[in-house]
Amino acid sequence: MHRLAVAQTHRGGGLGESVLDWARSQATAGSIPLLRLDCATENRALRSYYEQRGFRHVRDATVISPDGARELPSSLYEAELPRL
């Protein structure tokens, strides 16, 4: 999962959590053992949001933008999914 964002006008309505729940159910139904996502390392609020929803911080990494012009410090997360 990459670039989960909710417009300011819709914050607090549970939309982000609904998207994460949907992704979890799709991955679980497909027998995928892990759901992985990333976010900007400096975005403490988003990191906390993911951790509160059961994602574990795996490591930090530097990602190069597709055009090679920027280095993006990223934090990588994963959540284990139940096996059906």
PDB file of N, CA and C in Angstrom:
ATOM      1  N   MET A   1       0.860  -1.160   0.000  1.00  0.00           N
ATOM      2  CA  MET A   1       0.000   0.000   0.000  1.00  0.00           C
ATOM      3  C   MET A   1       0.904   1.220   0.000  1.00  0.00           C
ATOM      4  N   HIS A   2       0.539   2.201  -0.776  1.00  0.00           N
ATOM      5  CA  HIS A   2       1.362   3.396  -0.890  1.00  0.00           C
ATOM      6  C   HIS A   2       0.455   4.611  -1.053  1.00  0.00           C
ATOM      7  N   ARG A   3       0.766   5.648  -0.323  1.00  0.00           N
ATOM      8  CA  ARG A   3       0.075   6.942  -0.385  1.00  0.00           C
ATOM      9  C   ARG A   3      -1.393   6.910   0.043  1.00  0.00           C
ATOM     10  N   LEU A   4      -1.639   6.349   1.207  1.00  0.00           N
ATOM     11  CA  LEU A   4      -2.971   6.434   1.786  1.00  0.00           C
ATOM     12  C   LEU A   4      -3.116   7.836   2.368  1.00  0.00           C
ATOM     13  N   ALA A   5      -4.067   8.584   1.881  1.00  0.00           N
ATOM     14  CA  ALA A   5      -4.306   9.940   2.379  1.00  0.00           C
ATOM     15  C   ALA A   5      -5.800  10.213   2.334  1.00  0.00           C
ATOM     16  N   VAL A   6      -6.262  10.966   3.314  1.00  0.00           N
ATOM     17  CA  VAL A   6      -7.665  11.351   3.390  1.00  0.00           C
ATOM     18  C   VAL A   6      -7.722  12.871   3.398  1.00  0.00           C
ATOM     19  N   ALA A   7      -8.591  13.443   2.599  1.00  0.00           N
ATOM     20  CA  ALA A   7      -8.738  14.901   2.538  1.00  0.00           C
ATOM     21  C   ALA A   7      -9.093  15.448   3.916  1.00  0.00           C
ATOM     22  N   GLN A   8      -8.591  16.634   4.220  1.00  0.00           N
ATOM     23  CA  GLN A   8      -8.867  17.281   5.505  1.00  0.00           C
ATOM     24  C   GLN A   8     -10.359  17.310   5.806  1.00  0.00           C
ATOM     25  N   THR A   9     -11.170  17.535   4.795  1.00  0.00           N
ATOM     26  CA  THR A   9     -12.616  17.640   4.990  1.00  0.00           C
ATOM     27  C   THR A   9     -13.263  16.322   5.394  1.00  0.00           C
ATOM     28  N   HIS A  10     -12.541  15.205   5.228  1.00  0.00           N
ATOM     29  CA  HIS A  10     -13.101  13.895   5.551  1.00  0.00           C
ATOM     30  C   HIS A  10     -12.352  13.187   6.685  1.00  0.00           C
ATOM     31  N   ARG A  11     -11.419  13.897   7.315  1.00  0.00           N
ATOM     32  CA  ARG A  11     -10.656  13.289   8.407  1.00  0.00           C
ATOM     33  C   ARG A  11     -11.563  12.975   9.582  1.00  0.00           C
ATOM     34  N   GLY A  12     -11.261  11.878  10.249  1.00  0.00           N
ATOM     35  CA  GLY A  12     -12.008  11.500  11.438  1.00  0.00           C
ATOM     36  C   GLY A  12     -13.261  10.697  11.160  1.00  0.00           C
ATOM     37  N   GLY A  13     -13.543  10.449   9.903  1.00  0.00           N
ATOM     38  CA  GLY A  13     -14.748   9.702   9.554  1.00  0.00           C
ATOM     39  C   GLY A  13     -14.543   8.205   9.403  1.00  0.00           C
ATOM     40  N   GLY A  14     -13.320   7.733   9.600  1.00  0.00           N
ATOM     41  CA  GLY A  14     -13.054   6.302   9.517  1.00  0.00           C
ATOM     42  C   GLY A  14     -12.737   5.800   8.120  1.00  0.00           C
ATOM     43  N   LEU A  15     -12.585   6.710   7.156  1.00  0.00           N
ATOM     44  CA  LEU A  15     -12.316   6.288   5.779  1.00  0.00           C
ATOM     45  C   LEU A  15     -10.985   5.548   5.658  1.00  0.00           C
ATOM     46  N   GLY A  16      -9.936   6.075   6.271  1.00  0.00           N
ATOM     47  CA  GLY A  16      -8.626   5.411   6.220  1.00  0.00           C
ATOM     48  C   GLY A  16      -8.680   4.020   6.811  1.00  0.00           C
ATOM     49  N   GLU A  17      -9.346   3.897   7.934  1.00  0.00           N
ATOM     50  CA  GLU A  17      -9.476   2.584   8.567  1.00  0.00           C
ATOM     51  C   GLU A  17     -10.276   1.631   7.687  1.00  0.00           C
ATOM     52  N   SER A  18     -11.298   2.145   7.012  1.00  0.00           N
ATOM     53  CA  SER A  18     -12.087   1.307   6.092  1.00  0.00           C
ATOM     54  C   SER A  18     -11.221   0.790   4.950  1.00  0.00           C
ATOM     55  N   VAL A  19     -10.359   1.635   4.425  1.00  0.00           N
ATOM     56  CA  VAL A  19      -9.466   1.211   3.341  1.00  0.00           C
ATOM     57  C   VAL A  19      -8.493   0.144   3.846  1.00  0.00           C
ATOM     58  N   LEU A  20      -7.933   0.350   5.027  1.00  0.00           N
ATOM     59  CA  LEU A  20      -7.025  -0.658   5.594  1.00  0.00           C
ATOM     60  C   LEU A  20      -7.758  -1.975   5.845  1.00  0.00           C
ATOM     61  N   ASP A  21      -8.978  -1.904   6.371  1.00  0.00           N
ATOM     62  CA  ASP A  21      -9.769  -3.118   6.595  1.00  0.00           C
ATOM     63  C   ASP A  21     -10.034  -3.845   5.279  1.00  0.00           C
ATOM     64  N   TRP A  22     -10.369  -3.082   4.240  1.00  0.00           N
ATOM     65  CA  TRP A  22     -10.610  -3.675   2.924  1.00  0.00           C
ATOM     66  C   TRP A  22      -9.340  -4.367   2.411  1.00  0.00           C
ATOM     67  N   ALA A  23      -8.201  -3.691   2.534  1.00  0.00           N
ATOM     68  CA  ALA A  23      -6.938  -4.285   2.074  1.00  0.00           C
ATOM     69  C   ALA A  23      -6.626  -5.557   2.850  1.00  0.00           C
ATOM     70  N   ARG A  24      -6.857  -5.535   4.150  1.00  0.00           N
ATOM     71  CA  ARG A  24      -6.631  -6.734   4.964  1.00  0.00           C
ATOM     72  C   ARG A  24      -7.527  -7.888   4.495  1.00  0.00           C
ATOM     73  N   SER A  25      -8.801  -7.592   4.278  1.00  0.00           N
ATOM     74  CA  SER A  25      -9.719  -8.672   3.874  1.00  0.00           C
ATOM     75  C   SER A  25      -9.365  -9.220   2.501  1.00  0.00           C
ATOM     76  N   GLN A  26      -8.965  -8.362   1.578  1.00  0.00           N
ATOM     77  CA  GLN A  26      -8.574  -8.824   0.243  1.00  0.00           C
ATOM     78  C   GLN A  26      -7.324  -9.693   0.311  1.00  0.00           C
ATOM     79  N   ALA A  27      -6.348  -9.261   1.091  1.00  0.00           N
ATOM     80  CA  ALA A  27      -5.113 -10.033   1.217  1.00  0.00           C
ATOM     81  C   ALA A  27      -5.375 -11.365   1.911  1.00  0.00           C
ATOM     82  N   THR A  28      -6.185 -11.336   2.965  1.00  0.00           N
ATOM     83  CA  THR A  28      -6.515 -12.567   3.686  1.00  0.00           C
ATOM     84  C   THR A  28      -7.234 -13.546   2.765  1.00  0.00           C
ATOM     85  N   ALA A  29      -8.201 -13.060   2.002  1.00  0.00           N
ATOM     86  CA  ALA A  29      -8.943 -13.918   1.069  1.00  0.00           C
ATOM     87  C   ALA A  29      -8.022 -14.513   0.011  1.00  0.00           C
ATOM     88  N   GLY A  30      -6.966 -13.808  -0.325  1.00  0.00           N
ATOM     89  CA  GLY A  30      -6.013 -14.303  -1.311  1.00  0.00           C
ATOM     90  C   GLY A  30      -4.871 -15.095  -0.699  1.00  0.00           C
ATOM     91  N   SER A  31      -5.010 -15.449   0.573  1.00  0.00           N
ATOM     92  CA  SER A  31      -3.987 -16.228   1.299  1.00  0.00           C
ATOM     93  C   SER A  31      -2.630 -15.541   1.311  1.00  0.00           C
ATOM     94  N   ILE A  32      -2.641 -14.221   1.345  1.00  0.00           N
ATOM     95  CA  ILE A  32      -1.405 -13.444   1.434  1.00  0.00           C
ATOM     96  C   ILE A  32      -1.083 -13.263   2.913  1.00  0.00           C
ATOM     97  N   PRO A  33       0.104 -13.659   3.356  1.00  0.00           N
ATOM     98  CA  PRO A  33       0.394 -13.676   4.789  1.00  0.00           C
ATOM     99  C   PRO A  33       0.695 -12.322   5.416  1.00  0.00           C
ATOM    100  N   LEU A  34       1.114 -11.335   4.624  1.00  0.00           N
ATOM    101  CA  LEU A  34       1.505 -10.036   5.171  1.00  0.00           C
ATOM    102  C   LEU A  34       0.900  -8.898   4.363  1.00  0.00           C
ATOM    103  N   LEU A  35       0.525  -7.840   5.055  1.00  0.00           N
ATOM    104  CA  LEU A  35       0.130  -6.601   4.396  1.00  0.00           C
ATOM    105  C   LEU A  35       1.229  -5.604   4.713  1.00  0.00           C
ATOM    106  N   ARG A  36       1.818  -5.029   3.682  1.00  0.00           N
ATOM    107  CA  ARG A  36       2.941  -4.109   3.869  1.00  0.00           C
ATOM    108  C   ARG A  36       2.579  -2.728   3.364  1.00  0.00           C
ATOM    109  N   LEU A  37       3.148  -1.716   4.013  1.00  0.00           N
ATOM    110  CA  LEU A  37       2.955  -0.342   3.577  1.00  0.00           C
ATOM    111  C   LEU A  37       4.165   0.470   3.984  1.00  0.00           C
ATOM    112  N   ASP A  38       4.220   1.678   3.472  1.00  0.00           N
ATOM    113  CA  ASP A  38       5.315   2.570   3.844  1.00  0.00           C
ATOM    114  C   ASP A  38       4.777   3.985   3.986  1.00  0.00           C
ATOM    115  N   CYS A  39       5.574   4.819   4.631  1.00  0.00           N
ATOM    116  CA  CYS A  39       5.225   6.232   4.754  1.00  0.00           C
ATOM    117  C   CYS A  39       6.503   7.026   4.959  1.00  0.00           C
ATOM    118  N   ALA A  40       6.382   8.330   4.842  1.00  0.00           N
ATOM    119  CA  ALA A  40       7.534   9.207   5.063  1.00  0.00           C
ATOM    120  C   ALA A  40       7.993   9.062   6.514  1.00  0.00           C
ATOM    121  N   THR A  41       9.273   8.869   6.703  1.00  0.00           N
ATOM    122  CA  THR A  41       9.836   8.669   8.033  1.00  0.00           C
ATOM    123  C   THR A  41       9.488   9.807   8.975  1.00  0.00           C
ATOM    124  N   GLU A  42       9.484  11.034   8.484  1.00  0.00           N
ATOM    125  CA  GLU A  42       9.243  12.190   9.362  1.00  0.00           C
ATOM    126  C   GLU A  42       7.761  12.399   9.701  1.00  0.00           C
ATOM    127  N   ASN A  43       6.866  11.608   9.121  1.00  0.00           N
ATOM    128  CA  ASN A  43       5.436  11.762   9.376  1.00  0.00           C
ATOM    129  C   ASN A  43       5.046  10.953  10.623  1.00  0.00           C
ATOM    130  N   ARG A  44       5.328  11.527  11.784  1.00  0.00           N
ATOM    131  CA  ARG A  44       5.092  10.837  13.060  1.00  0.00           C
ATOM    132  C   ARG A  44       3.619  10.492  13.264  1.00  0.00           C
ATOM    133  N   ALA A  45       2.716  11.378  12.856  1.00  0.00           N
ATOM    134  CA  ALA A  45       1.282  11.124  13.051  1.00  0.00           C
ATOM    135  C   ALA A  45       0.830   9.895  12.266  1.00  0.00           C
ATOM    136  N   LEU A  46       1.263   9.778  11.012  1.00  0.00           N
ATOM    137  CA  LEU A  46       0.870   8.633  10.195  1.00  0.00           C
ATOM    138  C   LEU A  46       1.512   7.349  10.717  1.00  0.00           C
ATOM    139  N   ARG A  47       2.758   7.446  11.151  1.00  0.00           N
ATOM    140  CA  ARG A  47       3.425   6.271  11.707  1.00  0.00           C
ATOM    141  C   ARG A  47       2.667   5.763  12.933  1.00  0.00           C
ATOM    142  N   SER A  48       2.261   6.669  13.792  1.00  0.00           N
ATOM    143  CA  SER A  48       1.493   6.305  14.976  1.00  0.00           C
ATOM    144  C   SER A  48       0.150   5.692  14.585  1.00  0.00           C
ATOM    145  N   TYR A  49      -0.491   6.267  13.581  1.00  0.00           N
ATOM    146  CA  TYR A  49      -1.770   5.763  13.083  1.00  0.00           C
ATOM    147  C   TYR A  49      -1.628   4.297  12.653  1.00  0.00           C
ATOM    148  N   TYR A  50      -0.608   4.002  11.874  1.00  0.00           N
ATOM    149  CA  TYR A  50      -0.395   2.627  11.413  1.00  0.00           C
ATOM    150  C   TYR A  50      -0.101   1.685  12.590  1.00  0.00           C
ATOM    151  N   GLU A  51       0.735   2.141  13.509  1.00  0.00           N
ATOM    152  CA  GLU A  51       1.093   1.299  14.655  1.00  0.00           C
ATOM    153  C   GLU A  51      -0.133   1.004  15.523  1.00  0.00           C
ATOM    154  N   GLN A  52      -1.005   1.983  15.685  1.00  0.00           N
ATOM    155  CA  GLN A  52      -2.231   1.787  16.471  1.00  0.00           C
ATOM    156  C   GLN A  52      -3.177   0.799  15.786  1.00  0.00           C
ATOM    157  N   ARG A  53      -2.983   0.574  14.504  1.00  0.00           N
ATOM    158  CA  ARG A  53      -3.826  -0.354  13.765  1.00  0.00           C
ATOM    159  C   ARG A  53      -3.139  -1.689  13.506  1.00  0.00           C
ATOM    160  N   GLY A  54      -2.125  -1.981  14.299  1.00  0.00           N
ATOM    161  CA  GLY A  54      -1.523  -3.307  14.280  1.00  0.00           C
ATOM    162  C   GLY A  54      -0.355  -3.506  13.337  1.00  0.00           C
ATOM    163  N   PHE A  55       0.123  -2.446  12.709  1.00  0.00           N
ATOM    164  CA  PHE A  55       1.285  -2.575  11.840  1.00  0.00           C
ATOM    165  C   PHE A  55       2.559  -2.439  12.663  1.00  0.00           C
ATOM    166  N   ARG A  56       3.523  -3.264  12.333  1.00  0.00           N
ATOM    167  CA  ARG A  56       4.808  -3.281  13.032  1.00  0.00           C
ATOM    168  C   ARG A  56       5.857  -2.598  12.165  1.00  0.00           C
ATOM    169  N   HIS A  57       6.628  -1.690  12.785  1.00  0.00           N
ATOM    170  CA  HIS A  57       7.726  -1.039  12.067  1.00  0.00           C
ATOM    171  C   HIS A  57       8.802  -2.081  11.790  1.00  0.00           C
ATOM    172  N   VAL A  58       9.163  -2.224  10.519  1.00  0.00           N
ATOM    173  CA  VAL A  58      10.161  -3.210  10.118  1.00  0.00           C
ATOM    174  C   VAL A  58      11.535  -2.566  10.023  1.00  0.00           C
ATOM    175  N   ARG A  59      11.608  -1.454   9.308  1.00  0.00           N
ATOM    176  CA  ARG A  59      12.886  -0.745   9.173  1.00  0.00           C
ATOM    177  C   ARG A  59      12.654   0.566   8.440  1.00  0.00           C
ATOM    178  N   ASP A  60      13.665   1.393   8.459  1.00  0.00           N
ATOM    179  CA  ASP A  60      13.664   2.614   7.664  1.00  0.00           C
ATOM    180  C   ASP A  60      14.560   2.381   6.453  1.00  0.00           C
ATOM    181  N   ALA A  61      14.189   2.992   5.356  1.00  0.00           N
ATOM    182  CA  ALA A  61      14.948   2.837   4.112  1.00  0.00           C
ATOM    183  C   ALA A  61      14.881   4.146   3.334  1.00  0.00           C
ATOM    184  N   THR A  62      15.827   4.340   2.456  1.00  0.00           N
ATOM    185  CA  THR A  62      15.801   5.485   1.567  1.00  0.00           C
ATOM    186  C   THR A  62      15.347   5.003   0.203  1.00  0.00           C
ATOM    187  N   VAL A  63      14.283   5.618  -0.296  1.00  0.00           N
ATOM    188  CA  VAL A  63      13.708   5.256  -1.588  1.00  0.00           C
ATOM    189  C   VAL A  63      14.043   6.371  -2.570  1.00  0.00           C
ATOM    190  N   ILE A  64      14.462   6.013  -3.761  1.00  0.00           N
ATOM    191  CA  ILE A  64      14.771   6.983  -4.808  1.00  0.00           C
ATOM    192  C   ILE A  64      13.510   7.227  -5.630  1.00  0.00           C
ATOM    193  N   SER A  65      13.191   8.499  -5.866  1.00  0.00           N
ATOM    194  CA  SER A  65      12.009   8.819  -6.670  1.00  0.00           C
ATOM    195  C   SER A  65      12.154   8.228  -8.068  1.00  0.00           C
ATOM    196  N   PRO A  66      11.031   7.955  -8.739  1.00  0.00           N
ATOM    197  CA  PRO A  66      11.094   7.332 -10.069  1.00  0.00           C
ATOM    198  C   PRO A  66      11.982   8.087 -11.064  1.00  0.00           C
ATOM    199  N   ASP A  67      12.033   9.402 -10.938  1.00  0.00           N
ATOM    200  CA  ASP A  67      12.874  10.166 -11.868  1.00  0.00           C
ATOM    201  C   ASP A  67      14.322  10.279 -11.394  1.00  0.00           C
ATOM    202  N   GLY A  68      14.609   9.701 -10.213  1.00  0.00           N
ATOM    203  CA  GLY A  68      15.972   9.711  -9.689  1.00  0.00           C
ATOM    204  C   GLY A  68      16.401  11.035  -9.086  1.00  0.00           C
ATOM    205  N   ALA A  69      15.508  11.988  -9.019  1.00  0.00           N
ATOM    206  CA  ALA A  69      15.860  13.334  -8.570  1.00  0.00           C
ATOM    207  C   ALA A  69      15.852  13.501  -7.052  1.00  0.00           C
ATOM    208  N   ARG A  70      15.127  12.622  -6.338  1.00  0.00           N
ATOM    209  CA  ARG A  70      15.011  12.803  -4.888  1.00  0.00           C
ATOM    210  C   ARG A  70      15.217  11.502  -4.140  1.00  0.00           C
ATOM    211  N   GLU A  71      15.751  11.637  -2.944  1.00  0.00           N
ATOM    212  CA  GLU A  71      15.833  10.524  -2.013  1.00  0.00           C
ATOM    213  C   GLU A  71      14.749  10.733  -0.972  1.00  0.00           C
ATOM    214  N   LEU A  72      13.953   9.697  -0.719  1.00  0.00           N
ATOM    215  CA  LEU A  72      12.815   9.808   0.176  1.00  0.00           C
ATOM    216  C   LEU A  72      12.998   8.883   1.377  1.00  0.00           C
ATOM    217  N   PRO A  73      13.288   9.448   2.557  1.00  0.00           N
ATOM    218  CA  PRO A  73      13.389   8.606   3.750  1.00  0.00           C
ATOM    219  C   PRO A  73      12.022   7.994   4.057  1.00  0.00           C
ATOM    220  N   SER A  74      11.950   6.679   4.084  1.00  0.00           N
ATOM    221  CA  SER A  74      10.682   5.976   4.256  1.00  0.00           C
ATOM    222  C   SER A  74      10.767   4.988   5.404  1.00  0.00           C
ATOM    223  N   SER A  75       9.636   4.809   6.083  1.00  0.00           N
ATOM    224  CA  SER A  75       9.522   3.806   7.133  1.00  0.00           C
ATOM    225  C   SER A  75       8.627   2.693   6.606  1.00  0.00           C
ATOM    226  N   LEU A  76       9.106   1.470   6.739  1.00  0.00           N
ATOM    227  CA  LEU A  76       8.403   0.314   6.210  1.00  0.00           C
ATOM    228  C   LEU A  76       7.692  -0.416   7.344  1.00  0.00           C
ATOM    229  N   TYR A  77       6.434  -0.780   7.089  1.00  0.00           N
ATOM    230  CA  TYR A  77       5.587  -1.442   8.074  1.00  0.00           C
ATOM    231  C   TYR A  77       4.975  -2.701   7.490  1.00  0.00           C
ATOM    232  N   GLU A  78       4.587  -3.633   8.386  1.00  0.00           N
ATOM    233  CA  GLU A  78       3.864  -4.805   7.948  1.00  0.00           C
ATOM    234  C   GLU A  78       2.944  -5.294   9.059  1.00  0.00           C
ATOM    235  N   ALA A  79       1.897  -5.995   8.654  1.00  0.00           N
ATOM    236  CA  ALA A  79       0.978  -6.626   9.583  1.00  0.00           C
ATOM    237  C   ALA A  79       0.769  -8.061   9.128  1.00  0.00           C
ATOM    238  N   GLU A  80       0.885  -8.988  10.075  1.00  0.00           N
ATOM    239  CA  GLU A  80       0.594 -10.392   9.756  1.00  0.00           C
ATOM    240  C   GLU A  80      -0.899 -10.571   9.655  1.00  0.00           C
ATOM    241  N   LEU A  81      -1.315 -11.363   8.704  1.00  0.00           N
ATOM    242  CA  LEU A  81      -2.734 -11.598   8.470  1.00  0.00           C
ATOM    243  C   LEU A  81      -3.116 -13.002   8.897  1.00  0.00           C
ATOM    244  N   PRO A  82      -4.369 -13.172   9.305  1.00  0.00           N
ATOM    245  CA  PRO A  82      -4.811 -14.513   9.705  1.00  0.00           C
ATOM    246  C   PRO A  82      -4.854 -15.445   8.500  1.00  0.00           C
ATOM    247  N   ARG A  83      -4.590 -16.697   8.762  1.00  0.00           N
ATOM    248  CA  ARG A  83      -4.666 -17.713   7.698  1.00  0.00           C
ATOM    249  C   ARG A  83      -6.047 -18.335   7.743  1.00  0.00           C
ATOM    250  N   LEU A  84      -6.659 -18.454   6.578  1.00  0.00           N
ATOM    251  CA  LEU A  84      -7.995 -19.056   6.500  1.00  0.00           C
ATOM    252  C   LEU A  84      -7.912 -20.548   6.327  1.00  0.00           C
TER     253      LEU A  84
END
